PDB file of N, CA and C in Angstrom:
ATOM      1  N   UNK A   1       8.381 -14.501 -31.482  1.00  0.00           N
ATOM      2  CA  UNK A   1       7.582 -14.759 -30.318  1.00  0.00           C
ATOM      3  C   UNK A   1       7.623 -13.531 -29.412  1.00  0.00           C
ATOM      4  N   UNK A   2       6.475 -13.129 -28.869  1.00  0.00           N
ATOM      5  CA  UNK A   2       6.397 -11.937 -28.029  1.00  0.00           C
ATOM      6  C   UNK A   2       6.329 -12.332 -26.557  1.00  0.00           C
ATOM      7  N   UNK A   3       6.971 -11.546 -25.732  1.00  0.00           N
ATOM      8  CA  UNK A   3       6.909 -11.772 -24.291  1.00  0.00           C
ATOM      9  C   UNK A   3       5.613 -11.195 -23.745  1.00  0.00           C
ATOM     10  N   UNK A   4       5.061 -11.842 -22.757  1.00  0.00           N
ATOM     11  CA  UNK A   4       3.827 -11.364 -22.135  1.00  0.00           C
ATOM     12  C   UNK A   4       4.122 -10.110 -21.322  1.00  0.00           C
ATOM     13  N   UNK A   5       3.292  -9.111 -21.494  1.00  0.00           N
ATOM     14  CA  UNK A   5       3.454  -7.869 -20.747  1.00  0.00           C
ATOM     15  C   UNK A   5       2.782  -7.982 -19.386  1.00  0.00           C
ATOM     16  N   UNK A   6       3.372  -7.331 -18.406  1.00  0.00           N
ATOM     17  CA  UNK A   6       2.739  -7.253 -17.102  1.00  0.00           C
ATOM     18  C   UNK A   6       2.874  -8.486 -16.234  1.00  0.00           C
ATOM     19  N   UNK A   7       3.549  -9.511 -16.711  1.00  0.00           N
ATOM     20  CA  UNK A   7       3.696 -10.699 -15.871  1.00  0.00           C
ATOM     21  C   UNK A   7       5.089 -10.706 -15.274  1.00  0.00           C
ATOM     22  N   UNK A   8       5.172 -11.191 -14.044  1.00  0.00           N
ATOM     23  CA  UNK A   8       6.454 -11.238 -13.369  1.00  0.00           C
ATOM     24  C   UNK A   8       6.491 -12.451 -12.468  1.00  0.00           C
ATOM     25  N   UNK A   9       7.597 -13.144 -12.497  1.00  0.00           N
ATOM     26  CA  UNK A   9       7.739 -14.300 -11.617  1.00  0.00           C
ATOM     27  C   UNK A   9       8.541 -13.921 -10.376  1.00  0.00           C
ATOM     28  N   UNK A  10       8.849 -12.607 -10.257  1.00  0.00           N
ATOM     29  CA  UNK A  10       9.639 -12.145  -9.125  1.00  0.00           C
ATOM     30  C   UNK A  10       8.838 -12.272  -7.826  1.00  0.00           C
ATOM     31  N   UNK A  11       9.441 -12.932  -6.854  1.00  0.00           N
ATOM     32  CA  UNK A  11       8.812 -13.097  -5.543  1.00  0.00           C
ATOM     33  C   UNK A  11       9.130 -11.880  -4.682  1.00  0.00           C
ATOM     34  N   UNK A  12       8.136 -11.367  -3.986  1.00  0.00           N
ATOM     35  CA  UNK A  12       8.360 -10.274  -3.049  1.00  0.00           C
ATOM     36  C   UNK A  12       8.871 -10.853  -1.734  1.00  0.00           C
ATOM     37  N   UNK A  13       9.731 -10.123  -1.047  1.00  0.00           N
ATOM     38  CA  UNK A  13      10.275 -10.643   0.213  1.00  0.00           C
ATOM     39  C   UNK A  13       9.227 -10.629   1.328  1.00  0.00           C
ATOM     40  N   UNK A  14       9.174 -11.713   2.102  1.00  0.00           N
ATOM     41  CA  UNK A  14       8.319 -11.775   3.279  1.00  0.00           C
ATOM     42  C   UNK A  14       8.987 -11.028   4.421  1.00  0.00           C
ATOM     43  N   UNK A  15       8.187 -10.317   5.171  1.00  0.00           N
ATOM     44  CA  UNK A  15       8.648  -9.612   6.359  1.00  0.00           C
ATOM     45  C   UNK A  15       7.792 -10.093   7.522  1.00  0.00           C
ATOM     46  N   UNK A  16       8.415 -10.327   8.660  1.00  0.00           N
ATOM     47  CA  UNK A  16       7.652 -10.686   9.849  1.00  0.00           C
ATOM     48  C   UNK A  16       7.051  -9.411  10.438  1.00  0.00           C
ATOM     49  N   UNK A  17       5.725  -9.338  10.455  1.00  0.00           N
ATOM     50  CA  UNK A  17       5.028  -8.221  11.074  1.00  0.00           C
ATOM     51  C   UNK A  17       4.664  -8.656  12.485  1.00  0.00           C
ATOM     52  N   UNK A  18       5.219  -7.956  13.465  1.00  0.00           N
ATOM     53  CA  UNK A  18       4.952  -8.253  14.874  1.00  0.00           C
ATOM     54  C   UNK A  18       3.943  -7.221  15.377  1.00  0.00           C
ATOM     55  N   UNK A  19       2.839  -7.717  15.944  1.00  0.00           N
ATOM     56  CA  UNK A  19       1.803  -6.820  16.450  1.00  0.00           C
ATOM     57  C   UNK A  19       1.640  -7.060  17.941  1.00  0.00           C
ATOM     58  N   UNK A  20       1.763  -5.991  18.711  1.00  0.00           N
ATOM     59  CA  UNK A  20       1.662  -6.055  20.161  1.00  0.00           C
ATOM     60  C   UNK A  20       0.414  -5.330  20.634  1.00  0.00           C
ATOM     61  N   UNK A  21      -0.144  -5.796  21.743  1.00  0.00           N
ATOM     62  CA  UNK A  21      -1.244  -5.122  22.404  1.00  0.00           C
ATOM     63  C   UNK A  21      -0.655  -3.979  23.221  1.00  0.00           C
ATOM     64  N   UNK A  22      -1.048  -2.765  22.926  1.00  0.00           N
ATOM     65  CA  UNK A  22      -0.499  -1.595  23.594  1.00  0.00           C
ATOM     66  C   UNK A  22      -1.005  -1.366  25.002  1.00  0.00           C
ATOM     67  N   UNK A  23      -1.848  -2.252  25.490  1.00  0.00           N
ATOM     68  CA  UNK A  23      -2.415  -2.062  26.816  1.00  0.00           C
ATOM     69  C   UNK A  23      -1.465  -2.468  27.935  1.00  0.00           C
ATOM     70  N   UNK A  24      -0.393  -3.170  27.648  1.00  0.00           N
ATOM     71  CA  UNK A  24       0.549  -3.617  28.677  1.00  0.00           C
ATOM     72  C   UNK A  24       0.184  -4.997  29.171  1.00  0.00           C
ATOM     73  N   UNK A  25      -0.559  -5.048  30.263  1.00  0.00           N
ATOM     74  CA  UNK A  25      -1.077  -6.320  30.777  1.00  0.00           C
ATOM     75  C   UNK A  25      -2.591  -6.263  30.613  1.00  0.00           C
ATOM     76  N   UNK A  26      -3.145  -7.221  29.881  1.00  0.00           N
ATOM     77  CA  UNK A  26      -4.565  -7.137  29.558  1.00  0.00           C
ATOM     78  C   UNK A  26      -5.232  -8.499  29.613  1.00  0.00           C
ATOM     79  N   UNK A  27      -6.544  -8.453  29.681  1.00  0.00           N
ATOM     80  CA  UNK A  27      -7.376  -9.646  29.614  1.00  0.00           C
ATOM     81  C   UNK A  27      -7.816  -9.840  28.163  1.00  0.00           C
ATOM     82  N   UNK A  28      -8.353 -11.007  27.864  1.00  0.00           N
ATOM     83  CA  UNK A  28      -8.859 -11.303  26.521  1.00  0.00           C
ATOM     84  C   UNK A  28     -10.024 -10.367  26.199  1.00  0.00           C
ATOM     85  N   UNK A  29      -9.876  -9.589  25.149  1.00  0.00           N
ATOM     86  CA  UNK A  29     -10.920  -8.645  24.734  1.00  0.00           C
ATOM     87  C   UNK A  29     -11.892  -9.265  23.744  1.00  0.00           C
ATOM     88  N   UNK A  30     -11.606 -10.481  23.282  1.00  0.00           N
ATOM     89  CA  UNK A  30     -12.415 -11.184  22.286  1.00  0.00           C
ATOM     90  C   UNK A  30     -12.495 -10.413  20.969  1.00  0.00           C
ATOM     91  N   UNK A  31     -11.465  -9.622  20.690  1.00  0.00           N
ATOM     92  CA  UNK A  31     -11.391  -8.914  19.418  1.00  0.00           C
ATOM     93  C   UNK A  31     -10.513  -9.697  18.451  1.00  0.00           C
ATOM     94  N   UNK A  32     -10.690  -9.405  17.178  1.00  0.00           N
ATOM     95  CA  UNK A  32      -9.878 -10.002  16.127  1.00  0.00           C
ATOM     96  C   UNK A  32      -8.996  -8.920  15.527  1.00  0.00           C
ATOM     97  N   UNK A  33      -7.721  -9.229  15.371  1.00  0.00           N
ATOM     98  CA  UNK A  33      -6.783  -8.339  14.710  1.00  0.00           C
ATOM     99  C   UNK A  33      -6.822  -8.644  13.214  1.00  0.00           C
ATOM    100  N   UNK A  34      -7.023  -7.595  12.399  1.00  0.00           N
ATOM    101  CA  UNK A  34      -6.960  -7.746  10.946  1.00  0.00           C
ATOM    102  C   UNK A  34      -5.807  -6.899  10.442  1.00  0.00           C
ATOM    103  N   UNK A  35      -4.923  -7.525   9.660  1.00  0.00           N
ATOM    104  CA  UNK A  35      -3.795  -6.825   9.044  1.00  0.00           C
ATOM    105  C   UNK A  35      -3.967  -6.948   7.534  1.00  0.00           C
ATOM    106  N   UNK A  36      -4.053  -5.801   6.867  1.00  0.00           N
ATOM    107  CA  UNK A  36      -4.281  -5.783   5.423  1.00  0.00           C
ATOM    108  C   UNK A  36      -3.136  -5.061   4.740  1.00  0.00           C
ATOM    109  N   UNK A  37      -2.535  -5.736   3.754  1.00  0.00           N
ATOM    110  CA  UNK A  37      -1.480  -5.148   2.923  1.00  0.00           C
ATOM    111  C   UNK A  37      -2.037  -5.025   1.509  1.00  0.00           C
ATOM    112  N   UNK A  38      -1.299  -4.425   0.581  1.00  0.00           N
ATOM    113  CA  UNK A  38      -1.797  -4.347  -0.793  1.00  0.00           C
ATOM    114  C   UNK A  38      -2.034  -5.715  -1.442  1.00  0.00           C
ATOM    115  N   UNK A  39      -1.441  -6.783  -0.888  1.00  0.00           N
ATOM    116  CA  UNK A  39      -1.548  -8.089  -1.518  1.00  0.00           C
ATOM    117  C   UNK A  39      -2.231  -9.165  -0.678  1.00  0.00           C
ATOM    118  N   UNK A  40      -2.546  -8.879   0.584  1.00  0.00           N
ATOM    119  CA  UNK A  40      -3.060  -9.943   1.449  1.00  0.00           C
ATOM    120  C   UNK A  40      -3.798  -9.364   2.648  1.00  0.00           C
ATOM    121  N   UNK A  41      -4.665 -10.173   3.242  1.00  0.00           N
ATOM    122  CA  UNK A  41      -5.329  -9.845   4.497  1.00  0.00           C
ATOM    123  C   UNK A  41      -5.237 -11.056   5.404  1.00  0.00           C
ATOM    124  N   UNK A  42      -4.829 -10.822   6.640  1.00  0.00           N
ATOM    125  CA  UNK A  42      -4.741 -11.893   7.636  1.00  0.00           C
ATOM    126  C   UNK A  42      -5.534 -11.484   8.865  1.00  0.00           C
ATOM    127  N   UNK A  43      -6.191 -12.455   9.496  1.00  0.00           N
ATOM    128  CA  UNK A  43      -6.910 -12.223  10.749  1.00  0.00           C
ATOM    129  C   UNK A  43      -6.410 -13.204  11.793  1.00  0.00           C
ATOM    130  N   UNK A  44      -6.224 -12.689  13.019  1.00  0.00           N
ATOM    131  CA  UNK A  44      -5.785 -13.508  14.147  1.00  0.00           C
ATOM    132  C   UNK A  44      -6.484 -12.994  15.404  1.00  0.00           C
ATOM    133  N   UNK A  45      -6.633 -13.844  16.420  1.00  0.00           N
ATOM    134  CA  UNK A  45      -7.150 -13.341  17.697  1.00  0.00           C
ATOM    135  C   UNK A  45      -6.224 -12.239  18.219  1.00  0.00           C
ATOM    136  N   UNK A  46      -6.820 -11.164  18.740  1.00  0.00           N
ATOM    137  CA  UNK A  46      -6.026 -10.062  19.273  1.00  0.00           C
ATOM    138  C   UNK A  46      -5.285 -10.538  20.509  1.00  0.00           C
ATOM    139  N   UNK A  47      -3.967 -10.289  20.575  1.00  0.00           N
ATOM    140  CA  UNK A  47      -3.172 -10.818  21.684  1.00  0.00           C
ATOM    141  C   UNK A  47      -3.526 -10.147  23.011  1.00  0.00           C
ATOM    142  N   UNK A  48      -3.294 -10.877  24.089  1.00  0.00           N
ATOM    143  CA  UNK A  48      -3.504 -10.329  25.425  1.00  0.00           C
ATOM    144  C   UNK A  48      -2.479 -10.935  26.365  1.00  0.00           C
ATOM    145  N   UNK A  49      -2.434 -10.433  27.576  1.00  0.00           N
ATOM    146  CA  UNK A  49      -1.431 -10.867  28.541  1.00  0.00           C
ATOM    147  C   UNK A  49      -0.328  -9.832  28.632  1.00  0.00           C
ATOM    148  N   UNK A  50       0.821 -10.229  29.132  1.00  0.00           N
ATOM    149  CA  UNK A  50       1.976  -9.345  29.288  1.00  0.00           C
ATOM    150  C   UNK A  50       2.539  -9.004  27.907  1.00  0.00           C
ATOM    151  N   UNK A  51       2.461  -7.728  27.521  1.00  0.00           N
ATOM    152  CA  UNK A  51       2.828  -7.347  26.152  1.00  0.00           C
ATOM    153  C   UNK A  51       4.328  -7.371  25.883  1.00  0.00           C
ATOM    154  N   UNK A  52       5.162  -7.440  26.930  1.00  0.00           N
ATOM    155  CA  UNK A  52       6.599  -7.529  26.684  1.00  0.00           C
ATOM    156  C   UNK A  52       7.050  -8.966  26.422  1.00  0.00           C
ATOM    157  N   UNK A  53       6.141  -9.914  26.570  1.00  0.00           N
ATOM    158  CA  UNK A  53       6.445 -11.324  26.312  1.00  0.00           C
ATOM    159  C   UNK A  53       6.166 -11.641  24.839  1.00  0.00           C
ATOM    160  N   UNK A  54       7.200 -11.956  24.040  1.00  0.00           N
ATOM    161  CA  UNK A  54       6.993 -12.242  22.611  1.00  0.00           C
ATOM    162  C   UNK A  54       6.001 -13.379  22.342  1.00  0.00           C
ATOM    163  N   UNK A  55       5.766 -14.249  23.320  1.00  0.00           N
ATOM    164  CA  UNK A  55       4.768 -15.311  23.128  1.00  0.00           C
ATOM    165  C   UNK A  55       3.358 -14.739  23.044  1.00  0.00           C
ATOM    166  N   UNK A  56       3.169 -13.493  23.468  1.00  0.00           N
ATOM    167  CA  UNK A  56       1.854 -12.850  23.436  1.00  0.00           C
ATOM    168  C   UNK A  56       1.706 -11.886  22.265  1.00  0.00           C
ATOM    169  N   UNK A  57       2.575 -11.975  21.286  1.00  0.00           N
ATOM    170  CA  UNK A  57       2.506 -11.124  20.106  1.00  0.00           C
ATOM    171  C   UNK A  57       1.903 -11.914  18.951  1.00  0.00           C
ATOM    172  N   UNK A  58       1.264 -11.215  18.035  1.00  0.00           N
ATOM    173  CA  UNK A  58       0.863 -11.828  16.766  1.00  0.00           C
ATOM    174  C   UNK A  58       2.026 -11.617  15.801  1.00  0.00           C
ATOM    175  N   UNK A  59       2.445 -12.693  15.148  1.00  0.00           N
ATOM    176  CA  UNK A  59       3.536 -12.616  14.173  1.00  0.00           C
ATOM    177  C   UNK A  59       3.034 -13.152  12.843  1.00  0.00           C
ATOM    178  N   UNK A  60       3.034 -12.300  11.842  1.00  0.00           N
ATOM    179  CA  UNK A  60       2.574 -12.652  10.500  1.00  0.00           C
ATOM    180  C   UNK A  60       3.743 -12.517   9.533  1.00  0.00           C
ATOM    181  N   UNK A  61       3.790 -13.364   8.541  1.00  0.00           N
ATOM    182  CA  UNK A  61       4.814 -13.276   7.501  1.00  0.00           C
ATOM    183  C   UNK A  61       4.107 -12.921   6.198  1.00  0.00           C
ATOM    184  N   UNK A  62       4.303 -11.669   5.770  1.00  0.00           N
ATOM    185  CA  UNK A  62       3.618 -11.164   4.580  1.00  0.00           C
ATOM    186  C   UNK A  62       4.614 -10.460   3.669  1.00  0.00           C
ATOM    187  N   UNK A  63       4.395 -10.527   2.353  1.00  0.00           N
ATOM    188  CA  UNK A  63       5.280  -9.812   1.431  1.00  0.00           C
ATOM    189  C   UNK A  63       5.032  -8.306   1.503  1.00  0.00           C
ATOM    190  N   UNK A  64       6.098  -7.550   1.735  1.00  0.00           N
ATOM    191  CA  UNK A  64       6.023  -6.091   1.805  1.00  0.00           C
ATOM    192  C   UNK A  64       7.179  -5.480   1.038  1.00  0.00           C
ATOM    193  N   UNK A  65       6.911  -4.337   0.426  1.00  0.00           N
ATOM    194  CA  UNK A  65       7.965  -3.550  -0.202  1.00  0.00           C
ATOM    195  C   UNK A  65       7.855  -2.110   0.304  1.00  0.00           C
ATOM    196  N   UNK A  66       8.938  -1.386   0.173  1.00  0.00           N
ATOM    197  CA  UNK A  66       8.991   0.005   0.621  1.00  0.00           C
ATOM    198  C   UNK A  66       7.790   0.782   0.087  1.00  0.00           C
ATOM    199  N   UNK A  67       7.117   1.506   0.980  1.00  0.00           N
ATOM    200  CA  UNK A  67       5.984   2.339   0.585  1.00  0.00           C
ATOM    201  C   UNK A  67       4.627   1.664   0.701  1.00  0.00           C
ATOM    202  N   UNK A  68       4.590   0.345   0.964  1.00  0.00           N
ATOM    203  CA  UNK A  68       3.304  -0.340   1.126  1.00  0.00           C
ATOM    204  C   UNK A  68       2.553   0.221   2.326  1.00  0.00           C
ATOM    205  N   UNK A  69       1.264   0.454   2.154  1.00  0.00           N
ATOM    206  CA  UNK A  69       0.395   0.886   3.233  1.00  0.00           C
ATOM    207  C   UNK A  69      -0.188  -0.355   3.897  1.00  0.00           C
ATOM    208  N   UNK A  70      -0.026  -0.458   5.215  1.00  0.00           N
ATOM    209  CA  UNK A  70      -0.508  -1.609   5.969  1.00  0.00           C
ATOM    210  C   UNK A  70      -1.581  -1.120   6.927  1.00  0.00           C
ATOM    211  N   UNK A  71      -2.775  -1.711   6.832  1.00  0.00           N
ATOM    212  CA  UNK A  71      -3.871  -1.350   7.728  1.00  0.00           C
ATOM    213  C   UNK A  71      -3.927  -2.336   8.883  1.00  0.00           C
ATOM    214  N   UNK A  72      -4.067  -1.805  10.095  1.00  0.00           N
ATOM    215  CA  UNK A  72      -4.256  -2.599  11.302  1.00  0.00           C
ATOM    216  C   UNK A  72      -5.634  -2.252  11.845  1.00  0.00           C
ATOM    217  N   UNK A  73      -6.461  -3.268  12.103  1.00  0.00           N
ATOM    218  CA  UNK A  73      -7.814  -3.027  12.606  1.00  0.00           C
ATOM    219  C   UNK A  73      -8.146  -4.044  13.691  1.00  0.00           C
ATOM    220  N   UNK A  74      -8.978  -3.625  14.629  1.00  0.00           N
ATOM    221  CA  UNK A  74      -9.522  -4.525  15.637  1.00  0.00           C
ATOM    222  C   UNK A  74     -11.009  -4.652  15.356  1.00  0.00           C
ATOM    223  N   UNK A  75     -11.462  -5.902  15.200  1.00  0.00           N
ATOM    224  CA  UNK A  75     -12.848  -6.177  14.841  1.00  0.00           C
ATOM    225  C   UNK A  75     -13.541  -6.972  15.941  1.00  0.00           C
ATOM    226  N   UNK A  76     -14.844  -6.755  16.063  1.00  0.00           N
ATOM    227  CA  UNK A  76     -15.657  -7.551  16.980  1.00  0.00           C
ATOM    228  C   UNK A  76     -16.007  -8.869  16.312  1.00  0.00           C
ATOM    229  N   UNK A  77     -16.686  -9.740  17.042  1.00  0.00           N
ATOM    230  CA  UNK A  77     -17.073 -11.041  16.477  1.00  0.00           C
ATOM    231  C   UNK A  77     -18.054 -10.898  15.318  1.00  0.00           C
ATOM    232  N   UNK A  78     -18.726  -9.753  15.213  1.00  0.00           N
ATOM    233  CA  UNK A  78     -19.655  -9.532  14.094  1.00  0.00           C
ATOM    234  C   UNK A  78     -18.975  -8.854  12.911  1.00  0.00           C
ATOM    235  N   UNK A  79     -17.679  -8.529  13.053  1.00  0.00           N
ATOM    236  CA  UNK A  79     -16.947  -7.883  11.971  1.00  0.00           C
ATOM    237  C   UNK A  79     -16.944  -6.371  12.047  1.00  0.00           C
ATOM    238  N   UNK A  80     -17.618  -5.802  13.059  1.00  0.00           N
ATOM    239  CA  UNK A  80     -17.596  -4.349  13.216  1.00  0.00           C
ATOM    240  C   UNK A  80     -16.195  -3.904  13.617  1.00  0.00           C
ATOM    241  N   UNK A  81     -15.741  -2.815  13.031  1.00  0.00           N
ATOM    242  CA  UNK A  81     -14.397  -2.305  13.309  1.00  0.00           C
ATOM    243  C   UNK A  81     -14.435  -1.403  14.536  1.00  0.00           C
ATOM    244  N   UNK A  82     -13.664  -1.772  15.559  1.00  0.00           N
ATOM    245  CA  UNK A  82     -13.544  -0.962  16.783  1.00  0.00           C
ATOM    246  C   UNK A  82     -12.561   0.175  16.567  1.00  0.00           C
ATOM    247  N   UNK A  83     -11.371  -0.144  16.060  1.00  0.00           N
ATOM    248  CA  UNK A  83     -10.351   0.857  15.737  1.00  0.00           C
ATOM    249  C   UNK A  83      -9.622   0.400  14.478  1.00  0.00           C
ATOM    250  N   UNK A  84      -9.137   1.370  13.729  1.00  0.00           N
ATOM    251  CA  UNK A  84      -8.406   1.069  12.500  1.00  0.00           C
ATOM    252  C   UNK A  84      -7.480   2.238  12.189  1.00  0.00           C
ATOM    253  N   UNK A  85      -6.277   1.916  11.721  1.00  0.00           N
ATOM    254  CA  UNK A  85      -5.331   2.945  11.305  1.00  0.00           C
ATOM    255  C   UNK A  85      -4.284   2.280  10.415  1.00  0.00           C
ATOM    256  N   UNK A  86      -3.419   3.081   9.823  1.00  0.00           N
ATOM    257  CA  UNK A  86      -2.441   2.549   8.875  1.00  0.00           C
ATOM    258  C   UNK A  86      -1.028   2.977   9.220  1.00  0.00           C
ATOM    259  N   UNK A  87      -0.083   2.182   8.737  1.00  0.00           N
ATOM    260  CA  UNK A  87       1.344   2.478   8.796  1.00  0.00           C
ATOM    261  C   UNK A  87       1.909   2.273   7.391  1.00  0.00           C
ATOM    262  N   UNK A  88       2.904   3.061   7.044  1.00  0.00           N
ATOM    263  CA  UNK A  88       3.592   2.899   5.766  1.00  0.00           C
ATOM    264  C   UNK A  88       4.884   2.139   6.010  1.00  0.00           C
ATOM    265  N   UNK A  89       5.046   1.022   5.301  1.00  0.00           N
ATOM    266  CA  UNK A  89       6.248   0.210   5.468  1.00  0.00           C
ATOM    267  C   UNK A  89       7.440   0.945   4.873  1.00  0.00           C
ATOM    268  N   UNK A  90       8.533   0.988   5.640  1.00  0.00           N
ATOM    269  CA  UNK A  90       9.767   1.622   5.186  1.00  0.00           C
ATOM    270  C   UNK A  90      10.747   0.525   4.772  1.00  0.00           C
ATOM    271  N   UNK A  91      11.368  -0.113   5.754  1.00  0.00           N
ATOM    272  CA  UNK A  91      12.264  -1.234   5.500  1.00  0.00           C
ATOM    273  C   UNK A  91      12.322  -2.070   6.767  1.00  0.00           C
ATOM    274  N   UNK A  92      12.603  -3.361   6.634  1.00  0.00           N
ATOM    275  CA  UNK A  92      12.625  -4.188   7.835  1.00  0.00           C
ATOM    276  C   UNK A  92      13.736  -3.765   8.784  1.00  0.00           C
ATOM    277  N   UNK A  93      13.451  -3.907  10.071  1.00  0.00           N
ATOM    278  CA  UNK A  93      14.479  -3.694  11.088  1.00  0.00           C
ATOM    279  C   UNK A  93      15.439  -4.873  11.024  1.00  0.00           C
ATOM    280  N   UNK A  94      16.600  -4.741  11.660  1.00  0.00           N
ATOM    281  CA  UNK A  94      17.558  -5.849  11.713  1.00  0.00           C
ATOM    282  C   UNK A  94      16.822  -7.070  12.273  1.00  0.00           C
ATOM    283  N   UNK A  95      16.903  -8.183  11.587  1.00  0.00           N
ATOM    284  CA  UNK A  95      16.150  -9.370  11.970  1.00  0.00           C
ATOM    285  C   UNK A  95      14.946  -9.591  11.057  1.00  0.00           C
ATOM    286  N   UNK A  96      14.773  -8.699  10.057  1.00  0.00           N
ATOM    287  CA  UNK A  96      13.727  -8.816   9.043  1.00  0.00           C
ATOM    288  C   UNK A  96      12.316  -8.765   9.634  1.00  0.00           C
ATOM    289  N   UNK A  97      12.047  -7.742  10.450  1.00  0.00           N
ATOM    290  CA  UNK A  97      10.709  -7.600  11.007  1.00  0.00           C
ATOM    291  C   UNK A  97      10.280  -6.132  10.965  1.00  0.00           C
ATOM    292  N   UNK A  98       8.985  -5.944  11.129  1.00  0.00           N
ATOM    293  CA  UNK A  98       8.401  -4.625  11.341  1.00  0.00           C
ATOM    294  C   UNK A  98       7.438  -4.796  12.515  1.00  0.00           C
ATOM    295  N   UNK A  99       7.295  -3.763  13.321  1.00  0.00           N
ATOM    296  CA  UNK A  99       6.497  -3.899  14.544  1.00  0.00           C
ATOM    297  C   UNK A  99       5.487  -2.764  14.656  1.00  0.00           C
ATOM    298  N   UNK A 100       4.291  -3.124  15.085  1.00  0.00           N
ATOM    299  CA  UNK A 100       3.240  -2.139  15.353  1.00  0.00           C
ATOM    300  C   UNK A 100       2.599  -2.471  16.690  1.00  0.00           C
ATOM    301  N   UNK A 101       2.137  -1.428  17.356  1.00  0.00           N
ATOM    302  CA  UNK A 101       1.466  -1.581  18.647  1.00  0.00           C
ATOM    303  C   UNK A 101       0.079  -0.982  18.495  1.00  0.00           C
ATOM    304  N   UNK A 102      -0.947  -1.780  18.793  1.00  0.00           N
ATOM    305  CA  UNK A 102      -2.327  -1.324  18.644  1.00  0.00           C
ATOM    306  C   UNK A 102      -3.102  -1.662  19.912  1.00  0.00           C
ATOM    307  N   UNK A 103      -4.082  -0.835  20.210  1.00  0.00           N
ATOM    308  CA  UNK A 103      -4.911  -1.048  21.391  1.00  0.00           C
ATOM    309  C   UNK A 103      -6.279  -0.412  21.179  1.00  0.00           C
ATOM    310  N   UNK A 104      -7.312  -0.983  21.792  1.00  0.00           N
ATOM    311  CA  UNK A 104      -8.613  -0.317  21.738  1.00  0.00           C
ATOM    312  C   UNK A 104      -8.635   0.930  22.625  1.00  0.00           C
ATOM    313  N   UNK A 105      -7.637   1.065  23.512  1.00  0.00           N
ATOM    314  CA  UNK A 105      -7.539   2.236  24.381  1.00  0.00           C
ATOM    315  C   UNK A 105      -6.835   3.371  23.643  1.00  0.00           C
ATOM    316  N   UNK A 106      -7.036   4.579  24.105  1.00  0.00           N
ATOM    317  CA  UNK A 106      -6.404   5.758  23.510  1.00  0.00           C
ATOM    318  C   UNK A 106      -4.949   5.834  23.958  1.00  0.00           C
ATOM    319  N   UNK A 107      -4.020   5.876  23.007  1.00  0.00           N
ATOM    320  CA  UNK A 107      -2.591   6.025  23.308  1.00  0.00           C
ATOM    321  C   UNK A 107      -2.224   7.488  23.536  1.00  0.00           C
ATOM    322  N   UNK A 108      -3.199   8.352  23.400  1.00  0.00           N
ATOM    323  CA  UNK A 108      -2.970   9.792  23.537  1.00  0.00           C
ATOM    324  C   UNK A 108      -3.285  10.496  22.235  1.00  0.00           C
ATOM    325  N   UNK A 109      -4.015  11.577  22.309  1.00  0.00           N
ATOM    326  CA  UNK A 109      -4.354  12.340  21.106  1.00  0.00           C
ATOM    327  C   UNK A 109      -5.282  11.597  20.163  1.00  0.00           C
ATOM    328  N   UNK A 110      -6.053  10.641  20.690  1.00  0.00           N
ATOM    329  CA  UNK A 110      -6.973   9.880  19.844  1.00  0.00           C
ATOM    330  C   UNK A 110      -6.317   8.769  19.046  1.00  0.00           C
ATOM    331  N   UNK A 111      -5.037   8.518  19.304  1.00  0.00           N
ATOM    332  CA  UNK A 111      -4.323   7.460  18.569  1.00  0.00           C
ATOM    333  C   UNK A 111      -4.554   6.103  19.216  1.00  0.00           C
ATOM    334  N   UNK A 112      -4.643   5.077  18.371  1.00  0.00           N
ATOM    335  CA  UNK A 112      -4.767   3.697  18.835  1.00  0.00           C
ATOM    336  C   UNK A 112      -3.651   2.818  18.270  1.00  0.00           C
ATOM    337  N   UNK A 113      -2.825   3.379  17.378  1.00  0.00           N
ATOM    338  CA  UNK A 113      -1.786   2.616  16.691  1.00  0.00           C
ATOM    339  C   UNK A 113      -0.465   3.360  16.781  1.00  0.00           C
ATOM    340  N   UNK A 114       0.589   2.611  17.100  1.00  0.00           N
ATOM    341  CA  UNK A 114       1.945   3.144  17.086  1.00  0.00           C
ATOM    342  C   UNK A 114       2.724   2.369  16.030  1.00  0.00           C
ATOM    343  N   UNK A 115       3.133   3.066  14.984  1.00  0.00           N
ATOM    344  CA  UNK A 115       3.930   2.448  13.920  1.00  0.00           C
ATOM    345  C   UNK A 115       5.383   2.468  14.388  1.00  0.00           C
ATOM    346  N   UNK A 116       5.898   1.314  14.760  1.00  0.00           N
ATOM    347  CA  UNK A 116       7.230   1.246  15.372  1.00  0.00           C
ATOM    348  C   UNK A 116       8.266   0.806  14.336  1.00  0.00           C
ATOM    349  N   UNK A 117       9.209  -0.047  14.746  1.00  0.00           N
ATOM    350  CA  UNK A 117      10.323  -0.457  13.900  1.00  0.00           C
ATOM    351  C   UNK A 117       9.852  -0.962  12.535  1.00  0.00           C
ATOM    352  N   UNK A 118      10.534  -0.518  11.502  1.00  0.00           N
ATOM    353  CA  UNK A 118      10.259  -0.974  10.147  1.00  0.00           C
ATOM    354  C   UNK A 118       9.238  -0.136   9.395  1.00  0.00           C
ATOM    355  N   UNK A 119       8.490   0.692  10.118  1.00  0.00           N
ATOM    356  CA  UNK A 119       7.500   1.558   9.476  1.00  0.00           C
ATOM    357  C   UNK A 119       8.020   2.985   9.451  1.00  0.00           C
ATOM    358  N   UNK A 120       7.579   3.747   8.461  1.00  0.00           N
ATOM    359  CA  UNK A 120       8.003   5.135   8.321  1.00  0.00           C
ATOM    360  C   UNK A 120       7.469   5.952   9.479  1.00  0.00           C
ATOM    361  N   UNK A 121       8.282   6.867   9.945  1.00  0.00           N
ATOM    362  CA  UNK A 121       7.860   7.768  11.009  1.00  0.00           C
ATOM    363  C   UNK A 121       6.867   8.768  10.441  1.00  0.00           C
ATOM    364  N   UNK A 122       5.796   8.989  11.190  1.00  0.00           N
ATOM    365  CA  UNK A 122       4.828   9.999  10.725  1.00  0.00           C
ATOM    366  C   UNK A 122       5.092  11.343  11.401  1.00  0.00           C
ATOM    367  N   UNK A 123       6.275  11.439  12.023  1.00  0.00           N
ATOM    368  CA  UNK A 123       6.684  12.720  12.614  1.00  0.00           C
ATOM    369  C   UNK A 123       7.189  13.621  11.497  1.00  0.00           C
ATOM    370  N   UNK A 124       6.917  14.919  11.589  1.00  0.00           N
ATOM    371  CA  UNK A 124       7.395  15.849  10.529  1.00  0.00           C
ATOM    372  C   UNK A 124       8.903  16.002  10.545  1.00  0.00           C
TER     373      UNK A 124
END
């Protein structure tokens, strides 16, 4: 009897992806946050309010492994992309999470996304 090639029953570990609005204190922008990994895509209303309050964060549980490219995008109600950028997953921070900060506003230098804890630094 031959074993099937390419099949695996191994489960990938879920990581909590925390997404914060980089604007600080904001009003509802009516945008949708889209998070895309190599294996899944999730959409949630873009968070607003006081960004230091964890109740105002989007928290997704998605399977990630080292080196996965994660796309973060803000979409309008028609699906048009306002801003989009990527982070490379490194390893979960203590507490099994990774965090990104995104905003439709410029964070400086044309950036709209800050890849924080759990993502690889894009600094040289």
